[in-house]
Amino acid sequence: MSTLTGCPTFIDLRALAIDLPAGDMPGTDAFTSGFHPVNLSSGPCEIGLLALPDGQGETCEDRGDTWIFVLEGKVTVTDASGALDLAAGESFGVARDTPFAWSSDGGARLVIMRYLEGPSGNPGITRIDNDAELSPSNPPAAELLLGETPSCRANTMFASADEAFKCGIWDSTPYQRTPIFFHHCELMHLLEGSVTFVDAEGREATFGKGDTFVIEQGAECSWDSQVDVTKIFALWRKPA
């Protein structure tokens, strides 16, 4: 598990959340008052942490399409279509302009990635199913690989109306890749396996099952996974 919290390439969000103060301010929207942004380059997105207090409340996601991951605790969110019960390690997408209620017995720590520039689509909340069926997806380009071509699969379950921001599940057999420049920004939570990154300055971090981290836009780093990897992803990529 990495403890890098200030590296300008890959940032360990779980380590950052350890001393996070709760957003327990009476009369305020906990999703607004308790949001702590992480200082990094993330394109037209903001990434932050939230310590949701014990109790219940209401909010409206009126700033952008948003991915919310439960780092610790449990939370229930309810919109016009019904309720979702989420435990640690689970996540959901919230479309822009979606009002929803929340409740938490004992409080929860959340990771949030919000795409600020997308157009309005259809309001609603969508569970990112960790056990969803996956379909074959394109492996890394052959010229980047340092060994055999991996077998990759994915399932995108939530996307902004312009499809620049996507969230879902991805897995892959082991592979090694040369460093690439991240024109995009990606937040990951590893459900299985581990991966080691080395950036252009020689900084190295290994993340394993249960870790939650982000690789910022503008980073340049390699990938080395010696075992199968499964991850939840929240990804912003500029449309072609």
C-alpha atoms as a PDB file:
ATOM      1  CA  MET A   1       0.000   0.000   0.000  1.00  0.00           C
ATOM      2  CA  SER A   2       1.382   3.411  -0.925  1.00  0.00           C
ATOM      3  CA  THR A   3       1.382   6.337   1.482  1.00  0.00           C
ATOM      4  CA  LEU A   4       2.144   8.952  -1.174  1.00  0.00           C
ATOM      5  CA  THR A   5      -0.084  11.968  -0.561  1.00  0.00           C
ATOM      6  CA  GLY A   6       2.016  14.775  -2.043  1.00  0.00           C
ATOM      7  CA  CYS A   7       3.474  13.151  -5.144  1.00  0.00           C
ATOM      8  CA  PRO A   8       2.427  15.137  -8.225  1.00  0.00           C
ATOM      9  CA  THR A   9       1.854  11.949 -10.208  1.00  0.00           C
ATOM     10  CA  PHE A  10      -0.094   9.405  -8.131  1.00  0.00           C
ATOM     11  CA  ILE A  11      -1.875  10.346  -4.920  1.00  0.00           C
ATOM     12  CA  ASP A  12      -3.067   7.907  -2.252  1.00  0.00           C
ATOM     13  CA  LEU A  13      -6.568   9.126  -1.391  1.00  0.00           C
ATOM     14  CA  ARG A  14      -7.114   6.629   1.425  1.00  0.00           C
ATOM     15  CA  ALA A  15      -4.059   7.990   3.242  1.00  0.00           C
ATOM     16  CA  LEU A  16      -5.300  11.560   2.755  1.00  0.00           C
ATOM     17  CA  ALA A  17      -8.692  10.691   4.273  1.00  0.00           C
ATOM     18  CA  ILE A  18      -7.343   9.464   7.625  1.00  0.00           C
ATOM     19  CA  ASP A  19      -7.583  12.826   9.414  1.00  0.00           C
ATOM     20  CA  LEU A  20     -10.515  14.197   7.453  1.00  0.00           C
ATOM     21  CA  PRO A  21     -12.856  16.348   9.613  1.00  0.00           C
ATOM     22  CA  ALA A  22     -16.579  15.643   9.405  1.00  0.00           C
ATOM     23  CA  GLY A  23     -18.815  18.118   7.602  1.00  0.00           C
ATOM     24  CA  ASP A  24     -21.234  18.272  10.533  1.00  0.00           C
ATOM     25  CA  MET A  25     -22.450  21.873  10.351  1.00  0.00           C
ATOM     26  CA  PRO A  26     -26.127  22.217  11.360  1.00  0.00           C
ATOM     27  CA  GLY A  27     -28.290  23.831   8.735  1.00  0.00           C
ATOM     28  CA  THR A  28     -25.866  23.201   5.874  1.00  0.00           C
ATOM     29  CA  ASP A  29     -25.673  20.689   3.048  1.00  0.00           C
ATOM     30  CA  ALA A  30     -23.081  18.151   4.254  1.00  0.00           C
ATOM     31  CA  PHE A  31     -22.125  17.358   0.657  1.00  0.00           C
ATOM     32  CA  THR A  32     -21.093  21.012   0.242  1.00  0.00           C
ATOM     33  CA  SER A  33     -19.805  22.029   3.659  1.00  0.00           C
ATOM     34  CA  GLY A  34     -17.837  18.820   4.184  1.00  0.00           C
ATOM     35  CA  PHE A  35     -16.152  18.649   0.773  1.00  0.00           C
ATOM     36  CA  HIS A  36     -12.339  18.903   0.896  1.00  0.00           C
ATOM     37  CA  PRO A  37     -10.774  19.290  -2.579  1.00  0.00           C
ATOM     38  CA  VAL A  38      -7.474  17.582  -3.367  1.00  0.00           C
ATOM     39  CA  ASN A  39      -4.964  19.884  -5.031  1.00  0.00           C
ATOM     40  CA  LEU A  40      -3.974  18.243  -8.309  1.00  0.00           C
ATOM     41  CA  SER A  41      -4.261  18.662 -12.058  1.00  0.00           C
ATOM     42  CA  SER A  42      -7.485  16.987 -13.164  1.00  0.00           C
ATOM     43  CA  GLY A  43      -8.673  18.845 -16.254  1.00  0.00           C
ATOM     44  CA  PRO A  44     -12.272  20.101 -15.998  1.00  0.00           C
ATOM     45  CA  CYS A  45     -12.841  17.896 -12.952  1.00  0.00           C
ATOM     46  CA  GLU A  46     -12.528  18.329  -9.215  1.00  0.00           C
ATOM     47  CA  ILE A  47     -11.541  15.517  -6.888  1.00  0.00           C
ATOM     48  CA  GLY A  48     -12.071  15.600  -3.161  1.00  0.00           C
ATOM     49  CA  LEU A  49     -12.878  13.834   0.081  1.00  0.00           C
ATOM     50  CA  LEU A  50     -15.931  14.056   2.305  1.00  0.00           C
ATOM     51  CA  ALA A  51     -16.553  12.872   5.859  1.00  0.00           C
ATOM     52  CA  LEU A  52     -20.327  12.428   5.931  1.00  0.00           C
ATOM     53  CA  PRO A  53     -21.710  12.766   9.471  1.00  0.00           C
ATOM     54  CA  ASP A  54     -24.042  10.351  11.212  1.00  0.00           C
ATOM     55  CA  GLY A  55     -27.612  11.254  10.296  1.00  0.00           C
ATOM     56  CA  GLN A  56     -29.506  12.202   7.175  1.00  0.00           C
ATOM     57  CA  GLY A  57     -30.055  15.068   4.793  1.00  0.00           C
ATOM     58  CA  GLU A  58     -30.804  16.199   1.280  1.00  0.00           C
ATOM     59  CA  THR A  59     -28.674  17.611  -1.500  1.00  0.00           C
ATOM     60  CA  CYS A  60     -28.744  18.333  -5.231  1.00  0.00           C
ATOM     61  CA  GLU A  61     -25.861  17.604  -7.548  1.00  0.00           C
ATOM     62  CA  ASP A  62     -26.108  20.787  -9.587  1.00  0.00           C
ATOM     63  CA  ARG A  63     -22.415  21.290 -10.439  1.00  0.00           C
ATOM     64  CA  GLY A  64     -21.631  18.349 -12.694  1.00  0.00           C
ATOM     65  CA  ASP A  65     -21.700  14.622 -13.365  1.00  0.00           C
ATOM     66  CA  THR A  66     -20.228  12.963 -10.289  1.00  0.00           C
ATOM     67  CA  TRP A  67     -18.766   9.651  -9.116  1.00  0.00           C
ATOM     68  CA  ILE A  68     -19.022   8.945  -5.384  1.00  0.00           C
ATOM     69  CA  PHE A  69     -17.094   6.110  -3.736  1.00  0.00           C
ATOM     70  CA  VAL A  70     -17.629   4.883  -0.168  1.00  0.00           C
ATOM     71  CA  LEU A  71     -14.181   4.658   1.381  1.00  0.00           C
ATOM     72  CA  GLU A  72     -15.411   3.771   4.884  1.00  0.00           C
ATOM     73  CA  GLY A  73     -18.799   3.242   6.523  1.00  0.00           C
ATOM     74  CA  LYS A  74     -22.213   2.894   4.923  1.00  0.00           C
ATOM     75  CA  VAL A  75     -24.584   5.298   3.213  1.00  0.00           C
ATOM     76  CA  THR A  76     -28.031   5.091   1.635  1.00  0.00           C
ATOM     77  CA  VAL A  77     -28.906   7.457  -1.220  1.00  0.00           C
ATOM     78  CA  THR A  78     -32.424   7.916  -2.569  1.00  0.00           C
ATOM     79  CA  ASP A  79     -33.645   9.674  -5.700  1.00  0.00           C
ATOM     80  CA  ALA A  80     -36.929   9.584  -7.620  1.00  0.00           C
ATOM     81  CA  SER A  81     -36.245   6.033  -8.821  1.00  0.00           C
ATOM     82  CA  GLY A  82     -35.562   4.481  -5.406  1.00  0.00           C
ATOM     83  CA  ALA A  83     -32.836   3.840  -2.836  1.00  0.00           C
ATOM     84  CA  LEU A  84     -29.310   2.453  -3.058  1.00  0.00           C
ATOM     85  CA  ASP A  85     -27.583   0.974  -0.006  1.00  0.00           C
ATOM     86  CA  LEU A  86     -23.815   1.269  -0.318  1.00  0.00           C
ATOM     87  CA  ALA A  87     -21.051  -0.114   1.883  1.00  0.00           C
ATOM     88  CA  ALA A  88     -17.296   0.492   1.888  1.00  0.00           C
ATOM     89  CA  GLY A  89     -15.809  -0.400  -1.494  1.00  0.00           C
ATOM     90  CA  GLU A  90     -18.972   0.460  -3.439  1.00  0.00           C
ATOM     91  CA  SER A  91     -19.781   3.490  -5.569  1.00  0.00           C
ATOM     92  CA  PHE A  92     -22.400   5.240  -7.667  1.00  0.00           C
ATOM     93  CA  GLY A  93     -22.714   7.888 -10.349  1.00  0.00           C
ATOM     94  CA  VAL A  94     -24.890  10.986 -10.028  1.00  0.00           C
ATOM     95  CA  ALA A  95     -25.972  12.836 -13.159  1.00  0.00           C
ATOM     96  CA  ARG A  96     -25.926  16.623 -13.176  1.00  0.00           C
ATOM     97  CA  ASP A  97     -29.087  18.245 -11.743  1.00  0.00           C
ATOM     98  CA  THR A  98     -30.067  15.207  -9.654  1.00  0.00           C
ATOM     99  CA  PRO A  99     -31.608  15.870  -6.222  1.00  0.00           C
ATOM    100  CA  PHE A 100     -31.234  13.033  -3.706  1.00  0.00           C
ATOM    101  CA  ALA A 101     -31.574  12.260  -0.034  1.00  0.00           C
ATOM    102  CA  TRP A 102     -28.892  10.514   2.010  1.00  0.00           C
ATOM    103  CA  SER A 103     -28.627   8.788   5.357  1.00  0.00           C
ATOM    104  CA  SER A 104     -25.726   7.209   7.212  1.00  0.00           C
ATOM    105  CA  ASP A 105     -25.717   5.230  10.437  1.00  0.00           C
ATOM    106  CA  GLY A 106     -22.400   6.103  12.032  1.00  0.00           C
ATOM    107  CA  GLY A 107     -21.111   8.330   9.233  1.00  0.00           C
ATOM    108  CA  ALA A 108     -19.049   7.549   6.142  1.00  0.00           C
ATOM    109  CA  ARG A 109     -15.924   8.725   4.340  1.00  0.00           C
ATOM    110  CA  LEU A 110     -16.391   9.359   0.635  1.00  0.00           C
ATOM    111  CA  VAL A 111     -14.199  10.008  -2.386  1.00  0.00           C
ATOM    112  CA  ILE A 112     -15.768  12.289  -5.000  1.00  0.00           C
ATOM    113  CA  MET A 113     -14.803  13.037  -8.616  1.00  0.00           C
ATOM    114  CA  ARG A 114     -16.936  15.648 -10.379  1.00  0.00           C
ATOM    115  CA  TYR A 115     -16.880  16.560 -14.079  1.00  0.00           C
ATOM    116  CA  LEU A 116     -17.733  20.266 -14.168  1.00  0.00           C
ATOM    117  CA  GLU A 117     -18.055  21.071 -17.886  1.00  0.00           C
ATOM    118  CA  GLY A 118     -20.408  18.419 -19.253  1.00  0.00           C
ATOM    119  CA  PRO A 119     -23.869  19.251 -20.618  1.00  0.00           C
ATOM    120  CA  SER A 120     -27.013  18.290 -18.750  1.00  0.00           C
ATOM    121  CA  GLY A 121     -28.377  14.814 -19.450  1.00  0.00           C
ATOM    122  CA  ASN A 122     -30.953  12.660 -17.716  1.00  0.00           C
ATOM    123  CA  PRO A 123     -30.976  13.108 -13.916  1.00  0.00           C
ATOM    124  CA  GLY A 124     -30.566  10.005 -11.767  1.00  0.00           C
ATOM    125  CA  ILE A 125     -28.226   7.878  -9.695  1.00  0.00           C
ATOM    126  CA  THR A 126     -26.547   4.707 -10.992  1.00  0.00           C
ATOM    127  CA  ARG A 127     -24.892   1.957  -8.963  1.00  0.00           C
ATOM    128  CA  ILE A 128     -21.466   0.867 -10.172  1.00  0.00           C
ATOM    129  CA  ASP A 129     -21.831  -2.897  -9.750  1.00  0.00           C
ATOM    130  CA  ASN A 130     -18.504  -4.401  -8.661  1.00  0.00           C
ATOM    131  CA  ASP A 131     -19.672  -7.817  -9.902  1.00  0.00           C
ATOM    132  CA  ALA A 132     -21.023  -6.658 -13.250  1.00  0.00           C
ATOM    133  CA  GLU A 133     -20.486  -8.772 -16.348  1.00  0.00           C
ATOM    134  CA  LEU A 134     -17.544  -7.473 -18.371  1.00  0.00           C
ATOM    135  CA  SER A 135     -16.975  -7.428 -22.130  1.00  0.00           C
ATOM    136  CA  PRO A 136     -13.666  -7.543 -24.049  1.00  0.00           C
ATOM    137  CA  SER A 137     -11.950  -4.160 -24.395  1.00  0.00           C
ATOM    138  CA  ASN A 138      -8.889  -2.938 -26.249  1.00  0.00           C
ATOM    139  CA  PRO A 139      -5.502  -3.717 -24.653  1.00  0.00           C
ATOM    140  CA  PRO A 140      -2.675  -1.140 -24.536  1.00  0.00           C
ATOM    141  CA  ALA A 141      -1.090  -0.377 -27.903  1.00  0.00           C
ATOM    142  CA  ALA A 142       1.428  -3.030 -28.953  1.00  0.00           C
ATOM    143  CA  GLU A 143       4.286  -0.520 -29.227  1.00  0.00           C
ATOM    144  CA  LEU A 144       3.907   0.343 -25.528  1.00  0.00           C
ATOM    145  CA  LEU A 145       4.007  -3.210 -24.198  1.00  0.00           C
ATOM    146  CA  LEU A 146       7.113  -4.824 -22.709  1.00  0.00           C
ATOM    147  CA  GLY A 147       5.820  -8.364 -23.001  1.00  0.00           C
ATOM    148  CA  GLU A 148       2.720 -10.324 -23.935  1.00  0.00           C
ATOM    149  CA  THR A 149      -0.499  -8.560 -24.883  1.00  0.00           C
ATOM    150  CA  PRO A 150      -2.944  -8.747 -21.968  1.00  0.00           C
ATOM    151  CA  SER A 151      -6.585  -9.745 -22.098  1.00  0.00           C
ATOM    152  CA  CYS A 152      -8.690  -6.771 -20.942  1.00  0.00           C
ATOM    153  CA  ARG A 153     -12.398  -6.420 -20.197  1.00  0.00           C
ATOM    154  CA  ALA A 154     -14.600  -3.515 -19.110  1.00  0.00           C
ATOM    155  CA  ASN A 155     -18.119  -2.347 -18.361  1.00  0.00           C
ATOM    156  CA  THR A 156     -18.895   1.387 -18.370  1.00  0.00           C
ATOM    157  CA  MET A 157     -22.002   1.885 -16.246  1.00  0.00           C
ATOM    158  CA  PHE A 158     -22.142   5.673 -15.897  1.00  0.00           C
ATOM    159  CA  ALA A 159     -21.155   8.387 -18.366  1.00  0.00           C
ATOM    160  CA  SER A 160     -21.683  12.096 -18.909  1.00  0.00           C
ATOM    161  CA  ALA A 161     -23.902  13.175 -21.799  1.00  0.00           C
ATOM    162  CA  ASP A 162     -20.814  14.008 -23.899  1.00  0.00           C
ATOM    163  CA  GLU A 163     -19.096  10.747 -22.791  1.00  0.00           C
ATOM    164  CA  ALA A 164     -15.942  12.586 -21.725  1.00  0.00           C
ATOM    165  CA  PHE A 165     -16.426  11.321 -18.152  1.00  0.00           C
ATOM    166  CA  LYS A 166     -16.969   7.595 -17.598  1.00  0.00           C
ATOM    167  CA  CYS A 167     -17.148   5.255 -14.606  1.00  0.00           C
ATOM    168  CA  GLY A 168     -17.229   1.481 -14.397  1.00  0.00           C
ATOM    169  CA  ILE A 169     -15.244  -1.721 -13.876  1.00  0.00           C
ATOM    170  CA  TRP A 170     -12.131  -2.890 -15.768  1.00  0.00           C
ATOM    171  CA  ASP A 171      -9.915  -5.934 -15.453  1.00  0.00           C
ATOM    172  CA  SER A 172      -6.788  -7.281 -17.105  1.00  0.00           C
ATOM    173  CA  THR A 173      -4.315 -10.114 -17.077  1.00  0.00           C
ATOM    174  CA  PRO A 174      -0.732  -9.126 -16.094  1.00  0.00           C
ATOM    175  CA  TYR A 175       1.264  -6.778 -18.315  1.00  0.00           C
ATOM    176  CA  GLN A 176       4.072  -4.242 -18.369  1.00  0.00           C
ATOM    177  CA  ARG A 177       3.874  -0.947 -20.249  1.00  0.00           C
ATOM    178  CA  THR A 178       6.383   1.790 -20.984  1.00  0.00           C
ATOM    179  CA  PRO A 179       5.644   5.278 -19.573  1.00  0.00           C
ATOM    180  CA  ILE A 180       2.841   7.224 -21.237  1.00  0.00           C
ATOM    181  CA  PHE A 181       1.791  10.863 -20.884  1.00  0.00           C
ATOM    182  CA  PHE A 182      -1.622  11.187 -19.232  1.00  0.00           C
ATOM    183  CA  HIS A 183      -3.622  13.675 -21.277  1.00  0.00           C
ATOM    184  CA  HIS A 184      -6.515  12.403 -19.157  1.00  0.00           C
ATOM    185  CA  CYS A 185      -7.091  12.029 -15.407  1.00  0.00           C
ATOM    186  CA  GLU A 186      -8.082   8.719 -13.826  1.00  0.00           C
ATOM    187  CA  LEU A 187      -9.176   7.770 -10.331  1.00  0.00           C
ATOM    188  CA  MET A 188      -8.947   4.060  -9.462  1.00  0.00           C
ATOM    189  CA  HIS A 189      -9.944   1.700  -6.662  1.00  0.00           C
ATOM    190  CA  LEU A 190      -8.368  -1.743  -6.860  1.00  0.00           C
ATOM    191  CA  LEU A 191     -10.779  -4.597  -6.221  1.00  0.00           C
ATOM    192  CA  GLU A 192      -8.153  -7.274  -6.946  1.00  0.00           C
ATOM    193  CA  GLY A 193      -4.441  -7.470  -7.661  1.00  0.00           C
ATOM    194  CA  SER A 194      -1.702  -4.868  -7.481  1.00  0.00           C
ATOM    195  CA  VAL A 195       0.149  -2.528  -9.822  1.00  0.00           C
ATOM    196  CA  THR A 196       3.413  -0.598  -9.620  1.00  0.00           C
ATOM    197  CA  PHE A 197       3.867   2.812 -11.232  1.00  0.00           C
ATOM    198  CA  VAL A 198       7.126   4.670 -11.882  1.00  0.00           C
ATOM    199  CA  ASP A 199       6.918   8.279 -13.030  1.00  0.00           C
ATOM    200  CA  ALA A 200       9.256  10.405 -15.138  1.00  0.00           C
ATOM    201  CA  GLU A 201      11.187  11.543 -12.033  1.00  0.00           C
ATOM    202  CA  GLY A 202      11.785   7.968 -10.883  1.00  0.00           C
ATOM    203  CA  ARG A 203       9.207   8.067  -8.083  1.00  0.00           C
ATOM    204  CA  GLU A 204       7.616   4.684  -7.515  1.00  0.00           C
ATOM    205  CA  ALA A 205       4.421   3.508  -5.841  1.00  0.00           C
ATOM    206  CA  THR A 206       2.720   0.136  -5.562  1.00  0.00           C
ATOM    207  CA  PHE A 207      -1.028   0.004  -4.957  1.00  0.00           C
ATOM    208  CA  GLY A 208      -2.894  -3.155  -4.014  1.00  0.00           C
ATOM    209  CA  LYS A 209      -6.358  -4.510  -3.304  1.00  0.00           C
ATOM    210  CA  GLY A 210      -8.388  -1.947  -1.337  1.00  0.00           C
ATOM    211  CA  ASP A 211      -6.281   1.077  -2.334  1.00  0.00           C
ATOM    212  CA  THR A 212      -7.880   4.175  -3.837  1.00  0.00           C
ATOM    213  CA  PHE A 213      -5.695   6.587  -5.784  1.00  0.00           C
ATOM    214  CA  VAL A 214      -5.597   9.059  -8.643  1.00  0.00           C
ATOM    215  CA  ILE A 215      -3.161   9.643 -11.481  1.00  0.00           C
ATOM    216  CA  GLU A 216      -3.326  13.291 -12.395  1.00  0.00           C
ATOM    217  CA  GLN A 217      -3.507  14.873 -15.823  1.00  0.00           C
ATOM    218  CA  GLY A 218      -0.019  15.612 -17.103  1.00  0.00           C
ATOM    219  CA  ALA A 219       1.632  12.687 -15.323  1.00  0.00           C
ATOM    220  CA  GLU A 220       3.991  10.405 -17.194  1.00  0.00           C
ATOM    221  CA  CYS A 221       4.280   6.920 -15.743  1.00  0.00           C
ATOM    222  CA  SER A 222       4.676   3.233 -16.494  1.00  0.00           C
ATOM    223  CA  TRP A 223       2.461   0.286 -15.476  1.00  0.00           C
ATOM    224  CA  ASP A 224       3.636  -3.060 -14.104  1.00  0.00           C
ATOM    225  CA  SER A 225       1.124  -5.647 -12.907  1.00  0.00           C
ATOM    226  CA  GLN A 226       2.431  -9.136 -12.180  1.00  0.00           C
ATOM    227  CA  VAL A 227      -1.035 -10.496 -11.311  1.00  0.00           C
ATOM    228  CA  ASP A 228      -4.572 -10.053 -12.613  1.00  0.00           C
ATOM    229  CA  VAL A 229      -5.986  -6.622 -11.748  1.00  0.00           C
ATOM    230  CA  THR A 230      -9.615  -5.526 -11.327  1.00  0.00           C
ATOM    231  CA  LYS A 231     -10.454  -1.904 -10.680  1.00  0.00           C
ATOM    232  CA  ILE A 232     -13.284   0.568 -10.403  1.00  0.00           C
ATOM    233  CA  PHE A 233     -12.440   3.551 -12.570  1.00  0.00           C
ATOM    234  CA  ALA A 234     -13.613   7.138 -12.858  1.00  0.00           C
ATOM    235  CA  LEU A 235     -12.013   8.654 -15.929  1.00  0.00           C
ATOM    236  CA  TRP A 236     -12.057  11.998 -17.683  1.00  0.00           C
ATOM    237  CA  ARG A 237     -10.664  12.042 -21.207  1.00  0.00           C
ATOM    238  CA  LYS A 238     -10.901  14.963 -23.626  1.00  0.00           C
ATOM    239  CA  PRO A 239     -13.134  13.950 -26.567  1.00  0.00           C
ATOM    240  CA  ALA A 240     -11.306  13.383 -29.868  1.00  0.00           C
END
